Each structure stands twice: as C-alpha cells, then as structure tokens.
Amino acid sequence: MLDRTLKAARAALDEQQIANMFVAFLTPASLIALVLGLWRLTADVGWTEAFVISSGFFSHWQVWIALAIALKSLATWGAAGRTRAPKNI
C-alpha cells in the first residue's frame, strides 16, 4: 500500500517540480526570519515585549537577519536557475 502511494507520488512530481516547490518556499521563509530578527532587535531596544527565544544561538537578532539574507539570496539564485534551465520540447 505504502509502496504504491510512493510510486504514485513520484510519478506525479518529478525532480524539477520538487525543486520549484522548494524555491517557492524560500522567500516566505526568509520573510519569517526577517520578522523574527526585527522582533528581537526591537525587543532589545525596548519597543516590544520579550522575544520568544531568550537564550542560545537563535536569541540574537544578527542570526535571524543573516538567515533572512541567506534564504532570500538562495531563493533568487534558485529562481534565476529555473529560468535558465533548458526547456524540453
């Protein structure tokens, strides 16, 4: 049963479609990281309430902003790669 389901899923989605879906989710993920970074920054300044992550690596606003930049860069690079891909005729 599970084997048939996996075969059907693989037939429905090829590798290019999976890559396209992955790239499509990178921009919203970068926006979420940016919002978390700005939230942490404004919490440090005292404009908002306490940030949800109070200690550890992800408790710093610089980490969230860097992650947002990296994710958006990856999304832009992936989208550019999709447009340059040769078309099958």
N, C-alpha and C. Protein backbone atom coordinates (compact mmCIF):
# COMPACT_ATOMS: atom_id res chain seq x y z
N MET A 1 0.83 -1.20 0.00
CA MET A 1 0.00 0.00 0.00
C MET A 1 0.87 1.26 0.00
N LEU A 2 1.82 1.31 0.93
CA LEU A 2 2.70 2.46 1.00
C LEU A 2 3.58 2.54 -0.25
N ASP A 3 4.00 1.40 -0.75
CA ASP A 3 4.84 1.37 -1.95
C ASP A 3 4.09 1.96 -3.15
N ARG A 4 2.82 1.60 -3.30
CA ARG A 4 2.01 2.15 -4.39
C ARG A 4 1.84 3.65 -4.24
N THR A 5 1.65 4.12 -3.02
CA THR A 5 1.49 5.55 -2.77
C THR A 5 2.75 6.31 -3.12
N LEU A 6 3.91 5.77 -2.74
CA LEU A 6 5.17 6.42 -3.06
C LEU A 6 5.42 6.45 -4.57
N LYS A 7 5.09 5.36 -5.25
CA LYS A 7 5.25 5.33 -6.71
C LYS A 7 4.35 6.35 -7.38
N ALA A 8 3.13 6.48 -6.89
CA ALA A 8 2.20 7.47 -7.46
C ALA A 8 2.69 8.89 -7.21
N ALA A 9 3.23 9.14 -6.02
CA ALA A 9 3.74 10.47 -5.70
C ALA A 9 4.94 10.80 -6.58
N ARG A 10 5.82 9.85 -6.78
CA ARG A 10 6.98 10.07 -7.65
C ARG A 10 6.57 10.32 -9.09
N ALA A 11 5.54 9.62 -9.53
CA ALA A 11 5.07 9.82 -10.89
C ALA A 11 4.42 11.20 -11.06
N ALA A 12 3.75 11.66 -10.02
CA ALA A 12 3.06 12.95 -10.10
C ALA A 12 4.04 14.13 -10.03
N LEU A 13 5.10 13.97 -9.27
CA LEU A 13 6.07 15.05 -9.10
C LEU A 13 7.44 14.60 -9.58
N ASP A 14 7.96 15.26 -10.56
CA ASP A 14 9.31 14.96 -10.98
C ASP A 14 10.29 15.84 -10.18
N GLU A 15 11.56 15.63 -10.38
CA GLU A 15 12.57 16.36 -9.61
C GLU A 15 12.50 17.87 -9.84
N GLN A 16 12.19 18.28 -11.05
CA GLN A 16 12.11 19.71 -11.35
C GLN A 16 10.96 20.37 -10.59
N GLN A 17 9.84 19.69 -10.49
CA GLN A 17 8.70 20.25 -9.76
C GLN A 17 9.01 20.35 -8.27
N ILE A 18 9.70 19.35 -7.73
CA ILE A 18 10.07 19.40 -6.31
C ILE A 18 11.03 20.55 -6.06
N ALA A 19 12.01 20.74 -6.96
CA ALA A 19 12.94 21.86 -6.83
C ALA A 19 12.21 23.19 -6.92
N ASN A 20 11.24 23.31 -7.81
CA ASN A 20 10.46 24.54 -7.94
C ASN A 20 9.67 24.83 -6.66
N MET A 21 9.09 23.80 -6.06
CA MET A 21 8.35 24.00 -4.81
C MET A 21 9.29 24.43 -3.69
N PHE A 22 10.48 23.83 -3.63
CA PHE A 22 11.45 24.21 -2.62
C PHE A 22 11.84 25.68 -2.76
N VAL A 23 12.12 26.12 -3.97
CA VAL A 23 12.49 27.51 -4.21
C VAL A 23 11.33 28.44 -3.89
N ALA A 24 10.12 28.02 -4.16
CA ALA A 24 8.95 28.85 -3.89
C ALA A 24 8.75 29.10 -2.40
N PHE A 25 9.17 28.17 -1.56
CA PHE A 25 9.02 28.33 -0.12
C PHE A 25 10.16 29.10 0.53
N LEU A 26 11.24 29.37 -0.20
CA LEU A 26 12.37 30.08 0.39
C LEU A 26 12.07 31.54 0.68
N THR A 27 11.34 32.22 -0.19
CA THR A 27 11.03 33.63 0.04
C THR A 27 10.14 33.83 1.27
N PRO A 28 9.06 33.06 1.44
CA PRO A 28 8.29 33.21 2.69
C PRO A 28 9.11 32.86 3.93
N ALA A 29 9.99 31.88 3.82
CA ALA A 29 10.84 31.52 4.95
C ALA A 29 11.79 32.67 5.29
N SER A 30 12.31 33.35 4.27
CA SER A 30 13.20 34.48 4.52
C SER A 30 12.43 35.64 5.16
N LEU A 31 11.19 35.82 4.77
CA LEU A 31 10.37 36.87 5.37
C LEU A 31 10.11 36.58 6.85
N ILE A 32 9.84 35.34 7.17
CA ILE A 32 9.63 34.95 8.58
C ILE A 32 10.90 35.19 9.39
N ALA A 33 12.05 34.82 8.83
CA ALA A 33 13.33 35.05 9.53
C ALA A 33 13.57 36.54 9.73
N LEU A 34 13.23 37.35 8.73
CA LEU A 34 13.39 38.80 8.86
C LEU A 34 12.50 39.36 9.96
N VAL A 35 11.26 38.91 10.01
CA VAL A 35 10.33 39.37 11.05
C VAL A 35 10.85 38.98 12.44
N LEU A 36 11.35 37.77 12.58
CA LEU A 36 11.90 37.35 13.87
C LEU A 36 13.12 38.18 14.24
N GLY A 37 13.96 38.48 13.26
CA GLY A 37 15.12 39.32 13.54
C GLY A 37 14.74 40.72 13.96
N LEU A 38 13.75 41.30 13.27
CA LEU A 38 13.29 42.63 13.66
C LEU A 38 12.61 42.62 15.01
N TRP A 39 11.89 41.55 15.32
CA TRP A 39 11.26 41.43 16.63
C TRP A 39 12.32 41.40 17.72
N ARG A 40 13.37 40.62 17.51
CA ARG A 40 14.44 40.53 18.51
C ARG A 40 15.14 41.88 18.66
N LEU A 41 15.38 42.55 17.55
CA LEU A 41 16.04 43.86 17.59
C LEU A 41 15.19 44.87 18.36
N THR A 42 13.90 44.91 18.07
CA THR A 42 13.02 45.86 18.78
C THR A 42 12.82 45.47 20.23
N ALA A 43 12.92 44.19 20.55
CA ALA A 43 12.85 43.76 21.95
C ALA A 43 14.09 44.23 22.71
N ASP A 44 15.26 44.19 22.04
CA ASP A 44 16.48 44.68 22.68
C ASP A 44 16.42 46.18 22.94
N VAL A 45 15.79 46.92 22.03
CA VAL A 45 15.67 48.36 22.18
C VAL A 45 14.59 48.72 23.22
N GLY A 46 13.65 47.81 23.43
CA GLY A 46 12.60 48.04 24.40
C GLY A 46 11.29 48.47 23.79
N TRP A 47 11.15 48.35 22.49
CA TRP A 47 9.92 48.77 21.82
C TRP A 47 8.83 47.70 21.86
N THR A 48 9.22 46.43 21.98
CA THR A 48 8.25 45.34 22.01
C THR A 48 8.47 44.48 23.25
N GLU A 49 7.58 43.52 23.43
CA GLU A 49 7.71 42.61 24.56
C GLU A 49 8.90 41.68 24.34
N ALA A 50 9.13 40.82 25.28
CA ALA A 50 10.26 39.90 25.24
C ALA A 50 10.18 38.97 24.02
N PHE A 51 11.34 38.65 23.48
CA PHE A 51 11.44 37.75 22.34
C PHE A 51 11.19 36.33 22.80
N VAL A 52 10.63 35.51 21.93
CA VAL A 52 10.23 34.16 22.29
C VAL A 52 11.42 33.26 22.64
N ILE A 53 12.58 33.51 22.04
CA ILE A 53 13.78 32.71 22.32
C ILE A 53 14.71 33.60 23.15
N SER A 54 14.87 33.25 24.43
CA SER A 54 15.60 34.14 25.33
C SER A 54 17.09 33.82 25.45
N SER A 55 17.51 32.62 25.06
CA SER A 55 18.93 32.28 25.17
C SER A 55 19.31 31.32 24.05
N GLY A 56 20.60 31.27 23.80
CA GLY A 56 21.10 30.36 22.77
C GLY A 56 21.45 31.08 21.49
N PHE A 57 21.83 30.30 20.50
CA PHE A 57 22.29 30.83 19.22
C PHE A 57 21.23 31.67 18.52
N PHE A 58 19.99 31.21 18.54
CA PHE A 58 18.92 31.90 17.83
C PHE A 58 18.27 33.01 18.66
N SER A 59 18.89 33.39 19.74
CA SER A 59 18.36 34.50 20.53
C SER A 59 18.95 35.84 20.10
N HIS A 60 19.78 35.85 19.07
CA HIS A 60 20.43 37.08 18.60
C HIS A 60 19.78 37.55 17.29
N TRP A 61 19.54 38.86 17.20
CA TRP A 61 18.89 39.39 16.00
C TRP A 61 19.78 39.27 14.77
N GLN A 62 21.10 39.31 14.97
CA GLN A 62 22.01 39.21 13.84
C GLN A 62 21.88 37.86 13.13
N VAL A 63 21.65 36.81 13.89
CA VAL A 63 21.49 35.47 13.31
C VAL A 63 20.26 35.43 12.42
N TRP A 64 19.16 35.99 12.90
CA TRP A 64 17.91 35.97 12.12
C TRP A 64 18.01 36.82 10.87
N ILE A 65 18.66 37.98 10.97
CA ILE A 65 18.81 38.84 9.78
C ILE A 65 19.73 38.16 8.76
N ALA A 66 20.82 37.57 9.22
CA ALA A 66 21.73 36.85 8.31
C ALA A 66 21.02 35.67 7.65
N LEU A 67 20.20 34.96 8.42
CA LEU A 67 19.44 33.84 7.87
C LEU A 67 18.45 34.33 6.81
N ALA A 68 17.80 35.46 7.08
CA ALA A 68 16.86 36.02 6.10
C ALA A 68 17.57 36.39 4.80
N ILE A 69 18.74 37.00 4.91
CA ILE A 69 19.50 37.37 3.72
C ILE A 69 19.94 36.13 2.96
N ALA A 70 20.41 35.13 3.68
CA ALA A 70 20.87 33.90 3.03
C ALA A 70 19.72 33.17 2.32
N LEU A 71 18.56 33.09 2.97
CA LEU A 71 17.42 32.42 2.35
C LEU A 71 16.92 33.17 1.12
N LYS A 72 16.87 34.49 1.21
CA LYS A 72 16.41 35.27 0.05
C LYS A 72 17.41 35.18 -1.10
N SER A 73 18.70 35.17 -0.78
CA SER A 73 19.72 35.01 -1.82
C SER A 73 19.60 33.65 -2.49
N LEU A 74 19.37 32.63 -1.69
CA LEU A 74 19.19 31.29 -2.23
C LEU A 74 17.94 31.21 -3.10
N ALA A 75 16.87 31.89 -2.69
CA ALA A 75 15.64 31.90 -3.49
C ALA A 75 15.87 32.62 -4.81
N THR A 76 16.58 33.72 -4.78
CA THR A 76 16.86 34.47 -6.00
C THR A 76 17.74 33.65 -6.93
N TRP A 77 18.77 33.02 -6.38
CA TRP A 77 19.65 32.17 -7.17
C TRP A 77 18.89 30.98 -7.77
N GLY A 78 18.02 30.38 -6.98
CA GLY A 78 17.24 29.25 -7.46
C GLY A 78 16.25 29.65 -8.54
N ALA A 79 15.63 30.81 -8.37
CA ALA A 79 14.67 31.29 -9.38
C ALA A 79 15.40 31.63 -10.68
N ALA A 80 16.59 32.20 -10.59
CA ALA A 80 17.36 32.51 -11.79
C ALA A 80 17.78 31.23 -12.49
N GLY A 81 18.11 30.22 -11.73
CA GLY A 81 18.48 28.94 -12.31
C GLY A 81 17.32 28.26 -13.00
N ARG A 82 16.12 28.47 -12.49
CA ARG A 82 14.94 27.89 -13.13
C ARG A 82 14.66 28.53 -14.47
N THR A 83 14.90 29.82 -14.60
CA THR A 83 14.61 30.49 -15.86
C THR A 83 15.66 30.17 -16.92
N ARG A 84 16.88 29.82 -16.49
CA ARG A 84 17.94 29.49 -17.42
C ARG A 84 17.95 28.03 -17.83
N ALA A 85 17.13 27.23 -17.16
CA ALA A 85 17.10 25.80 -17.46
C ALA A 85 16.58 25.58 -18.88
N PRO A 86 17.18 24.66 -19.62
CA PRO A 86 16.70 24.40 -20.97
C PRO A 86 15.30 23.79 -20.94
N LYS A 87 14.51 24.21 -21.90
CA LYS A 87 13.14 23.72 -22.00
C LYS A 87 13.10 22.45 -22.84
N ASN A 88 12.34 21.49 -22.37
CA ASN A 88 12.14 20.27 -23.16
C ASN A 88 11.01 20.49 -24.15
N ILE A 89 11.30 20.27 -25.39
CA ILE A 89 10.28 20.49 -26.43
C ILE A 89 9.80 19.16 -26.94
